Amino acid sequence: MKFPKFKTLAAGLLLALVFSPNPLFACAACYGASDSPIAKGMNWGIFSLLGVVAVVLGSIATFFVFIGKRSAAANPPEADPAQTPDSTQTK
């Protein structure tokens, strides 16, 4: 422990170096160059995700339509007794 002030100074300089602000530069898509390859890739990514969402929602809607049709076919509505002739009535 010959140099306690030196260790403190070195640790302080190291922390200052680690936490010093660096300049940040926006990518071409964020900066506004819409004709760059990265912007085209981002657009394709957005369209791909929209396609996945559309397929999933369409599949869910199709499933519920299928279940509704199957339920309607399995349980046909009963006929109204007032509209059907009754065999017990005499003419």
PDB file of N, CA and C in Angstrom:
ATOM      1  N   MET A   1       0.828  -1.182   0.000  1.00  0.00           N
ATOM      2  CA  MET A   1       0.000   0.000   0.000  1.00  0.00           C
ATOM      3  C   MET A   1       0.872   1.244   0.000  1.00  0.00           C
ATOM      4  N   LYS A   2       1.725   1.318  -0.946  1.00  0.00           N
ATOM      5  CA  LYS A   2       2.614   2.467  -1.018  1.00  0.00           C
ATOM      6  C   LYS A   2       1.918   3.678  -1.622  1.00  0.00           C
ATOM      7  N   PHE A   3       0.971   3.407  -2.555  1.00  0.00           N
ATOM      8  CA  PHE A   3       0.364   4.513  -3.281  1.00  0.00           C
ATOM      9  C   PHE A   3      -1.159   4.486  -3.186  1.00  0.00           C
ATOM     10  N   PRO A   4      -1.772   4.773  -2.053  1.00  0.00           N
ATOM     11  CA  PRO A   4      -3.232   4.721  -1.954  1.00  0.00           C
ATOM     12  C   PRO A   4      -3.902   5.818  -2.765  1.00  0.00           C
ATOM     13  N   LYS A   5      -3.260   6.955  -2.876  1.00  0.00           N
ATOM     14  CA  LYS A   5      -3.842   8.039  -3.676  1.00  0.00           C
ATOM     15  C   LYS A   5      -3.759   7.703  -5.162  1.00  0.00           C
ATOM     16  N   PHE A   6      -2.711   6.986  -5.545  1.00  0.00           N
ATOM     17  CA  PHE A   6      -2.566   6.612  -6.947  1.00  0.00           C
ATOM     18  C   PHE A   6      -3.671   5.640  -7.361  1.00  0.00           C
ATOM     19  N   LYS A   7      -4.013   4.699  -6.502  1.00  0.00           N
ATOM     20  CA  LYS A   7      -5.091   3.742  -6.807  1.00  0.00           C
ATOM     21  C   LYS A   7      -6.429   4.459  -6.926  1.00  0.00           C
ATOM     22  N   THR A   8      -6.668   5.397  -6.058  1.00  0.00           N
ATOM     23  CA  THR A   8      -7.912   6.160  -6.105  1.00  0.00           C
ATOM     24  C   THR A   8      -7.966   6.992  -7.378  1.00  0.00           C
ATOM     25  N   LEU A   9      -6.856   7.612  -7.718  1.00  0.00           N
ATOM     26  CA  LEU A   9      -6.794   8.424  -8.942  1.00  0.00           C
ATOM     27  C   LEU A   9      -6.970   7.551 -10.185  1.00  0.00           C
ATOM     28  N   ALA A  10      -6.321   6.384 -10.198  1.00  0.00           N
ATOM     29  CA  ALA A  10      -6.447   5.470 -11.335  1.00  0.00           C
ATOM     30  C   ALA A  10      -7.881   4.962 -11.475  1.00  0.00           C
ATOM     31  N   ALA A  11      -8.517   4.634 -10.340  1.00  0.00           N
ATOM     32  CA  ALA A  11      -9.908   4.174 -10.387  1.00  0.00           C
ATOM     33  C   ALA A  11     -10.823   5.292 -10.873  1.00  0.00           C
ATOM     34  N   GLY A  12     -10.594   6.494 -10.435  1.00  0.00           N
ATOM     35  CA  GLY A  12     -11.393   7.637 -10.885  1.00  0.00           C
ATOM     36  C   GLY A  12     -11.224   7.891 -12.368  1.00  0.00           C
ATOM     37  N   LEU A  13      -9.990   7.822 -12.862  1.00  0.00           N
ATOM     38  CA  LEU A  13      -9.758   8.006 -14.301  1.00  0.00           C
ATOM     39  C   LEU A  13     -10.395   6.896 -15.123  1.00  0.00           C
ATOM     40  N   LEU A  14     -10.329   5.680 -14.612  1.00  0.00           N
ATOM     41  CA  LEU A  14     -10.955   4.552 -15.312  1.00  0.00           C
ATOM     42  C   LEU A  14     -12.464   4.730 -15.373  1.00  0.00           C
ATOM     43  N   LEU A  15     -13.075   5.127 -14.284  1.00  0.00           N
ATOM     44  CA  LEU A  15     -14.516   5.380 -14.280  1.00  0.00           C
ATOM     45  C   LEU A  15     -14.883   6.523 -15.213  1.00  0.00           C
ATOM     46  N   ALA A  16     -14.084   7.563 -15.236  1.00  0.00           N
ATOM     47  CA  ALA A  16     -14.344   8.690 -16.131  1.00  0.00           C
ATOM     48  C   ALA A  16     -14.246   8.247 -17.589  1.00  0.00           C
ATOM     49  N   LEU A  17     -13.296   7.387 -17.876  1.00  0.00           N
ATOM     50  CA  LEU A  17     -13.147   6.883 -19.241  1.00  0.00           C
ATOM     51  C   LEU A  17     -14.331   5.995 -19.635  1.00  0.00           C
ATOM     52  N   VAL A  18     -14.772   5.150 -18.710  1.00  0.00           N
ATOM     53  CA  VAL A  18     -15.876   4.230 -18.995  1.00  0.00           C
ATOM     54  C   VAL A  18     -17.186   4.995 -19.206  1.00  0.00           C
ATOM     55  N   PHE A  19     -17.422   5.991 -18.385  1.00  0.00           N
ATOM     56  CA  PHE A  19     -18.690   6.706 -18.451  1.00  0.00           C
ATOM     57  C   PHE A  19     -18.618   7.996 -19.269  1.00  0.00           C
ATOM     58  N   SER A  20     -17.563   8.194 -20.024  1.00  0.00           N
ATOM     59  CA  SER A  20     -17.477   9.406 -20.847  1.00  0.00           C
ATOM     60  C   SER A  20     -18.437   9.287 -22.033  1.00  0.00           C
ATOM     61  N   PRO A  21     -19.090  10.375 -22.379  1.00  0.00           N
ATOM     62  CA  PRO A  21     -20.041  10.307 -23.498  1.00  0.00           C
ATOM     63  C   PRO A  21     -19.312  10.191 -24.827  1.00  0.00           C
ATOM     64  N   ASN A  22     -19.843   9.335 -25.676  1.00  0.00           N
ATOM     65  CA  ASN A  22     -19.308   9.173 -27.028  1.00  0.00           C
ATOM     66  C   ASN A  22     -20.326   9.729 -28.006  1.00  0.00           C
ATOM     67  N   PRO A  23     -19.880  10.257 -29.118  1.00  0.00           N
ATOM     68  CA  PRO A  23     -20.847  10.750 -30.104  1.00  0.00           C
ATOM     69  C   PRO A  23     -21.596   9.579 -30.729  1.00  0.00           C
ATOM     70  N   LEU A  24     -22.891   9.744 -30.875  1.00  0.00           N
ATOM     71  CA  LEU A  24     -23.728   8.714 -31.479  1.00  0.00           C
ATOM     72  C   LEU A  24     -24.173   9.202 -32.845  1.00  0.00           C
ATOM     73  N   PHE A  25     -24.122   8.324 -33.815  1.00  0.00           N
ATOM     74  CA  PHE A  25     -24.521   8.671 -35.171  1.00  0.00           C
ATOM     75  C   PHE A  25     -25.709   7.811 -35.569  1.00  0.00           C
ATOM     76  N   ALA A  26     -26.704   8.427 -36.158  1.00  0.00           N
ATOM     77  CA  ALA A  26     -27.887   7.696 -36.589  1.00  0.00           C
ATOM     78  C   ALA A  26     -27.551   6.878 -37.831  1.00  0.00           C
ATOM     79  N   CYS A  27     -28.269   5.765 -37.995  1.00  0.00           N
ATOM     80  CA  CYS A  27     -28.061   4.953 -39.190  1.00  0.00           C
ATOM     81  C   CYS A  27     -28.710   5.658 -40.387  1.00  0.00           C
ATOM     82  N   ALA A  28     -28.474   5.125 -41.551  1.00  0.00           N
ATOM     83  CA  ALA A  28     -28.981   5.768 -42.760  1.00  0.00           C
ATOM     84  C   ALA A  28     -30.506   5.807 -42.782  1.00  0.00           C
ATOM     85  N   ALA A  29     -31.151   4.758 -42.240  1.00  0.00           N
ATOM     86  CA  ALA A  29     -32.614   4.727 -42.240  1.00  0.00           C
ATOM     87  C   ALA A  29     -33.174   5.779 -41.287  1.00  0.00           C
ATOM     88  N   CYS A  30     -32.533   5.945 -40.133  1.00  0.00           N
ATOM     89  CA  CYS A  30     -33.014   6.929 -39.159  1.00  0.00           C
ATOM     90  C   CYS A  30     -32.677   8.351 -39.590  1.00  0.00           C
ATOM     91  N   TYR A  31     -31.590   8.501 -40.296  1.00  0.00           N
ATOM     92  CA  TYR A  31     -31.137   9.834 -40.693  1.00  0.00           C
ATOM     93  C   TYR A  31     -31.946  10.382 -41.854  1.00  0.00           C
ATOM     94  N   GLY A  32     -32.583   9.514 -42.619  1.00  0.00           N
ATOM     95  CA  GLY A  32     -33.474   9.969 -43.676  1.00  0.00           C
ATOM     96  C   GLY A  32     -33.089   9.538 -45.076  1.00  0.00           C
ATOM     97  N   ALA A  33     -32.084   8.721 -45.223  1.00  0.00           N
ATOM     98  CA  ALA A  33     -31.705   8.235 -46.551  1.00  0.00           C
ATOM     99  C   ALA A  33     -32.586   7.037 -46.881  1.00  0.00           C
ATOM    100  N   SER A  34     -33.712   7.294 -47.498  1.00  0.00           N
ATOM    101  CA  SER A  34     -34.676   6.217 -47.727  1.00  0.00           C
ATOM    102  C   SER A  34     -34.287   5.293 -48.869  1.00  0.00           C
ATOM    103  N   ASP A  35     -33.252   5.612 -49.609  1.00  0.00           N
ATOM    104  CA  ASP A  35     -32.841   4.740 -50.712  1.00  0.00           C
ATOM    105  C   ASP A  35     -31.660   3.843 -50.331  1.00  0.00           C
ATOM    106  N   SER A  36     -31.268   3.849 -49.077  1.00  0.00           N
ATOM    107  CA  SER A  36     -30.137   3.023 -48.656  1.00  0.00           C
ATOM    108  C   SER A  36     -30.591   1.570 -48.484  1.00  0.00           C
ATOM    109  N   PRO A  37     -29.664   0.632 -48.569  1.00  0.00           N
ATOM    110  CA  PRO A  37     -30.026  -0.784 -48.397  1.00  0.00           C
ATOM    111  C   PRO A  37     -30.586  -1.092 -47.014  1.00  0.00           C
ATOM    112  N   ILE A  38     -30.118  -0.398 -45.992  1.00  0.00           N
ATOM    113  CA  ILE A  38     -30.632  -0.675 -44.649  1.00  0.00           C
ATOM    114  C   ILE A  38     -32.087  -0.238 -44.527  1.00  0.00           C
ATOM    115  N   ALA A  39     -32.464   0.844 -45.198  1.00  0.00           N
ATOM    116  CA  ALA A  39     -33.862   1.290 -45.171  1.00  0.00           C
ATOM    117  C   ALA A  39     -34.746   0.298 -45.925  1.00  0.00           C
ATOM    118  N   LYS A  40     -34.253  -0.225 -47.030  1.00  0.00           N
ATOM    119  CA  LYS A  40     -35.024  -1.227 -47.777  1.00  0.00           C
ATOM    120  C   LYS A  40     -35.183  -2.503 -46.961  1.00  0.00           C
ATOM    121  N   GLY A  41     -34.122  -2.892 -46.259  1.00  0.00           N
ATOM    122  CA  GLY A  41     -34.208  -4.074 -45.404  1.00  0.00           C
ATOM    123  C   GLY A  41     -35.195  -3.879 -44.273  1.00  0.00           C
ATOM    124  N   MET A  42     -35.224  -2.673 -43.709  1.00  0.00           N
ATOM    125  CA  MET A  42     -36.168  -2.392 -42.635  1.00  0.00           C
ATOM    126  C   MET A  42     -37.598  -2.448 -43.169  1.00  0.00           C
ATOM    127  N   ASN A  43     -37.819  -1.922 -44.349  1.00  0.00           N
ATOM    128  CA  ASN A  43     -39.161  -1.978 -44.942  1.00  0.00           C
ATOM    129  C   ASN A  43     -39.583  -3.419 -45.189  1.00  0.00           C
ATOM    130  N   TRP A  44     -38.688  -4.254 -45.688  1.00  0.00           N
ATOM    131  CA  TRP A  44     -39.017  -5.658 -45.907  1.00  0.00           C
ATOM    132  C   TRP A  44     -39.309  -6.364 -44.582  1.00  0.00           C
ATOM    133  N   GLY A  45     -38.587  -5.994 -43.539  1.00  0.00           N
ATOM    134  CA  GLY A  45     -38.854  -6.565 -42.216  1.00  0.00           C
ATOM    135  C   GLY A  45     -40.236  -6.191 -41.713  1.00  0.00           C
ATOM    136  N   ILE A  46     -40.623  -4.934 -41.916  1.00  0.00           N
ATOM    137  CA  ILE A  46     -41.950  -4.485 -41.499  1.00  0.00           C
ATOM    138  C   ILE A  46     -43.027  -5.225 -42.269  1.00  0.00           C
ATOM    139  N   PHE A  47     -42.858  -5.354 -43.580  1.00  0.00           N
ATOM    140  CA  PHE A  47     -43.852  -6.055 -44.397  1.00  0.00           C
ATOM    141  C   PHE A  47     -43.930  -7.533 -44.018  1.00  0.00           C
ATOM    142  N   SER A  48     -42.795  -8.137 -43.696  1.00  0.00           N
ATOM    143  CA  SER A  48     -42.798  -9.548 -43.284  1.00  0.00           C
ATOM    144  C   SER A  48     -43.568  -9.727 -41.979  1.00  0.00           C
ATOM    145  N   LEU A  49     -43.341  -8.844 -41.025  1.00  0.00           N
ATOM    146  CA  LEU A  49     -44.059  -8.947 -39.759  1.00  0.00           C
ATOM    147  C   LEU A  49     -45.549  -8.691 -39.938  1.00  0.00           C
ATOM    148  N   LEU A  50     -45.904  -7.754 -40.808  1.00  0.00           N
ATOM    149  CA  LEU A  50     -47.320  -7.531 -41.095  1.00  0.00           C
ATOM    150  C   LEU A  50     -47.952  -8.766 -41.738  1.00  0.00           C
ATOM    151  N   GLY A  51     -47.200  -9.418 -42.601  1.00  0.00           N
ATOM    152  CA  GLY A  51     -47.700 -10.643 -43.223  1.00  0.00           C
ATOM    153  C   GLY A  51     -47.930 -11.742 -42.203  1.00  0.00           C
ATOM    154  N   VAL A  52     -47.015 -11.890 -41.258  1.00  0.00           N
ATOM    155  CA  VAL A  52     -47.171 -12.909 -40.213  1.00  0.00           C
ATOM    156  C   VAL A  52     -48.404 -12.602 -39.364  1.00  0.00           C
ATOM    157  N   VAL A  53     -48.586 -11.339 -38.990  1.00  0.00           N
ATOM    158  CA  VAL A  53     -49.751 -10.958 -38.184  1.00  0.00           C
ATOM    159  C   VAL A  53     -51.039 -11.237 -38.955  1.00  0.00           C
ATOM    160  N   ALA A  54     -51.066 -10.904 -40.241  1.00  0.00           N
ATOM    161  CA  ALA A  54     -52.265 -11.138 -41.051  1.00  0.00           C
ATOM    162  C   ALA A  54     -52.577 -12.631 -41.156  1.00  0.00           C
ATOM    163  N   VAL A  55     -51.571 -13.450 -41.345  1.00  0.00           N
ATOM    164  CA  VAL A  55     -51.791 -14.901 -41.446  1.00  0.00           C
ATOM    165  C   VAL A  55     -52.319 -15.460 -40.124  1.00  0.00           C
ATOM    166  N   VAL A  56     -51.746 -15.030 -39.011  1.00  0.00           N
ATOM    167  CA  VAL A  56     -52.187 -15.537 -37.706  1.00  0.00           C
ATOM    168  C   VAL A  56     -53.630 -15.112 -37.425  1.00  0.00           C
ATOM    169  N   LEU A  57     -53.949 -13.833 -37.646  1.00  0.00           N
ATOM    170  CA  LEU A  57     -55.315 -13.376 -37.395  1.00  0.00           C
ATOM    171  C   LEU A  57     -56.313 -14.019 -38.352  1.00  0.00           C
ATOM    172  N   GLY A  58     -55.907 -14.213 -39.602  1.00  0.00           N
ATOM    173  CA  GLY A  58     -56.773 -14.899 -40.555  1.00  0.00           C
ATOM    174  C   GLY A  58     -57.019 -16.344 -40.160  1.00  0.00           C
ATOM    175  N   SER A  59     -56.001 -17.005 -39.643  1.00  0.00           N
ATOM    176  CA  SER A  59     -56.153 -18.387 -39.191  1.00  0.00           C
ATOM    177  C   SER A  59     -57.103 -18.484 -37.996  1.00  0.00           C
ATOM    178  N   ILE A  60     -56.983 -17.546 -37.079  1.00  0.00           N
ATOM    179  CA  ILE A  60     -57.876 -17.551 -35.918  1.00  0.00           C
ATOM    180  C   ILE A  60     -59.313 -17.301 -36.353  1.00  0.00           C
ATOM    181  N   ALA A  61     -59.526 -16.349 -37.255  1.00  0.00           N
ATOM    182  CA  ALA A  61     -60.880 -16.062 -37.744  1.00  0.00           C
ATOM    183  C   ALA A  61     -61.448 -17.271 -38.485  1.00  0.00           C
ATOM    184  N   THR A  62     -60.631 -17.915 -39.310  1.00  0.00           N
ATOM    185  CA  THR A  62     -61.080 -19.098 -40.043  1.00  0.00           C
ATOM    186  C   THR A  62     -61.445 -20.224 -39.082  1.00  0.00           C
ATOM    187  N   PHE A  63     -60.672 -20.396 -38.028  1.00  0.00           N
ATOM    188  CA  PHE A  63     -60.966 -21.427 -37.039  1.00  0.00           C
ATOM    189  C   PHE A  63     -62.325 -21.188 -36.384  1.00  0.00           C
ATOM    190  N   PHE A  64     -62.620 -19.934 -36.003  1.00  0.00           N
ATOM    191  CA  PHE A  64     -63.891 -19.662 -35.354  1.00  0.00           C
ATOM    192  C   PHE A  64     -65.072 -19.797 -36.323  1.00  0.00           C
ATOM    193  N   VAL A  65     -64.881 -19.469 -37.585  1.00  0.00           N
ATOM    194  CA  VAL A  65     -65.935 -19.687 -38.580  1.00  0.00           C
ATOM    195  C   VAL A  65     -66.175 -21.186 -38.746  1.00  0.00           C
ATOM    196  N   PHE A  66     -65.109 -21.965 -38.805  1.00  0.00           N
ATOM    197  CA  PHE A  66     -65.224 -23.423 -38.922  1.00  0.00           C
ATOM    198  C   PHE A  66     -65.973 -24.006 -37.728  1.00  0.00           C
ATOM    199  N   ILE A  67     -65.616 -23.574 -36.519  1.00  0.00           N
ATOM    200  CA  ILE A  67     -66.286 -24.071 -35.315  1.00  0.00           C
ATOM    201  C   ILE A  67     -67.758 -23.665 -35.322  1.00  0.00           C
ATOM    202  N   GLY A  68     -68.060 -22.447 -35.744  1.00  0.00           N
ATOM    203  CA  GLY A  68     -69.453 -21.996 -35.797  1.00  0.00           C
ATOM    204  C   GLY A  68     -70.279 -22.799 -36.777  1.00  0.00           C
ATOM    205  N   LYS A  69     -69.727 -23.076 -37.959  1.00  0.00           N
ATOM    206  CA  LYS A  69     -70.461 -23.883 -38.950  1.00  0.00           C
ATOM    207  C   LYS A  69     -70.651 -25.308 -38.460  1.00  0.00           C
ATOM    208  N   ARG A  70     -69.643 -25.859 -37.833  1.00  0.00           N
ATOM    209  CA  ARG A  70     -69.735 -27.233 -37.348  1.00  0.00           C
ATOM    210  C   ARG A  70     -70.760 -27.338 -36.215  1.00  0.00           C
ATOM    211  N   SER A  71     -70.783 -26.328 -35.365  1.00  0.00           N
ATOM    212  CA  SER A  71     -71.753 -26.319 -34.273  1.00  0.00           C
ATOM    213  C   SER A  71     -73.172 -26.183 -34.813  1.00  0.00           C
ATOM    214  N   ALA A  72     -73.347 -25.358 -35.827  1.00  0.00           N
ATOM    215  CA  ALA A  72     -74.675 -25.188 -36.415  1.00  0.00           C
ATOM    216  C   ALA A  72     -75.139 -26.467 -37.112  1.00  0.00           C
ATOM    217  N   ALA A  73     -74.213 -27.187 -37.728  1.00  0.00           N
ATOM    218  CA  ALA A  73     -74.583 -28.435 -38.403  1.00  0.00           C
ATOM    219  C   ALA A  73     -74.884 -29.541 -37.393  1.00  0.00           C
ATOM    220  N   ALA A  74     -74.213 -29.545 -36.272  1.00  0.00           N
ATOM    221  CA  ALA A  74     -74.426 -30.598 -35.271  1.00  0.00           C
ATOM    222  C   ALA A  74     -75.713 -30.389 -34.492  1.00  0.00           C
ATOM    223  N   ASN A  75     -76.134 -29.151 -34.318  1.00  0.00           N
ATOM    224  CA  ASN A  75     -77.342 -28.839 -33.559  1.00  0.00           C
ATOM    225  C   ASN A  75     -78.305 -28.042 -34.443  1.00  0.00           C
ATOM    226  N   PRO A  76     -79.043 -28.737 -35.339  1.00  0.00           N
ATOM    227  CA  PRO A  76     -79.965 -27.982 -36.197  1.00  0.00           C
ATOM    228  C   PRO A  76     -81.096 -27.384 -35.358  1.00  0.00           C
ATOM    229  N   PRO A  77     -81.580 -26.228 -35.724  1.00  0.00           N
ATOM    230  CA  PRO A  77     -82.668 -25.621 -34.948  1.00  0.00           C
ATOM    231  C   PRO A  77     -83.936 -26.469 -35.070  1.00  0.00           C
ATOM    232  N   GLU A  78     -84.673 -26.568 -33.977  1.00  0.00           N
ATOM    233  CA  GLU A  78     -85.915 -27.342 -33.991  1.00  0.00           C
ATOM    234  C   GLU A  78     -86.983 -26.561 -34.729  1.00  0.00           C
ATOM    235  N   ALA A  79     -87.858 -27.301 -35.394  1.00  0.00           N
ATOM    236  CA  ALA A  79     -88.943 -26.654 -36.145  1.00  0.00           C
ATOM    237  C   ALA A  79     -89.974 -26.106 -35.169  1.00  0.00           C
ATOM    238  N   ASP A  80     -90.630 -25.032 -35.555  1.00  0.00           N
ATOM    239  CA  ASP A  80     -91.662 -24.406 -34.726  1.00  0.00           C
ATOM    240  C   ASP A  80     -92.913 -25.276 -34.792  1.00  0.00           C
ATOM    241  N   PRO A  81     -93.436 -25.747 -33.653  1.00  0.00           N
ATOM    242  CA  PRO A  81     -94.599 -26.648 -33.691  1.00  0.00           C
ATOM    243  C   PRO A  81     -95.843 -25.960 -34.240  1.00  0.00           C
ATOM    244  N   ALA A  82     -95.932 -24.668 -34.200  1.00  0.00           N
ATOM    245  CA  ALA A  82     -97.111 -23.970 -34.729  1.00  0.00           C
ATOM    246  C   ALA A  82     -97.140 -24.009 -36.254  1.00  0.00           C
ATOM    247  N   GLN A  83     -95.990 -24.176 -36.892  1.00  0.00           N
ATOM    248  CA  GLN A  83     -95.940 -24.158 -38.349  1.00  0.00           C
ATOM    249  C   GLN A  83     -96.024 -25.549 -38.957  1.00  0.00           C
ATOM    250  N   THR A  84     -95.773 -26.581 -38.201  1.00  0.00           N
ATOM    251  CA  THR A  84     -95.827 -27.928 -38.752  1.00  0.00           C
ATOM    252  C   THR A  84     -97.173 -28.567 -38.424  1.00  0.00           C
ATOM    253  N   PRO A  85     -97.725 -29.322 -39.355  1.00  0.00           N
ATOM    254  CA  PRO A  85     -99.005 -29.993 -39.069  1.00  0.00           C
ATOM    255  C   PRO A  85     -98.820 -31.101 -38.058  1.00  0.00           C
ATOM    256  N   ASP A  86     -99.735 -31.188 -37.161  1.00  0.00           N
ATOM    257  CA  ASP A  86     -99.684 -32.219 -36.118  1.00  0.00           C
ATOM    258  C   ASP A  86    -100.546 -33.402 -36.550  1.00  0.00           C
ATOM    259  N   SER A  87    -100.031 -34.577 -36.430  1.00  0.00           N
ATOM    260  CA  SER A  87    -100.755 -35.772 -36.890  1.00  0.00           C
ATOM    261  C   SER A  87    -101.909 -36.114 -35.941  1.00  0.00           C
ATOM    262  N   THR A  88    -101.917 -35.566 -34.764  1.00  0.00           N
ATOM    263  CA  THR A  88    -102.996 -35.905 -33.821  1.00  0.00           C
ATOM    264  C   THR A  88    -104.252 -35.085 -34.058  1.00  0.00           C
ATOM    265  N   GLN A  89    -104.160 -33.997 -34.812  1.00  0.00           N
ATOM    266  CA  GLN A  89    -105.345 -33.176 -35.069  1.00  0.00           C
ATOM    267  C   GLN A  89    -106.213 -33.847 -36.114  1.00  0.00           C
ATOM    268  N   THR A  90    -107.512 -33.771 -35.940  1.00  0.00           N
ATOM    269  CA  THR A  90    -108.436 -34.352 -36.915  1.00  0.00           C
ATOM    270  C   THR A  90    -108.994 -33.262 -37.794  1.00  0.00           C
ATOM    271  N   LYS A  91    -109.322 -33.630 -38.984  1.00  0.00           N
ATOM    272  CA  LYS A  91    -109.852 -32.653 -39.929  1.00  0.00           C
ATOM    273  C   LYS A  91    -111.334 -32.699 -40.010  1.00  0.00           C
TER     274      LYS A  91
END
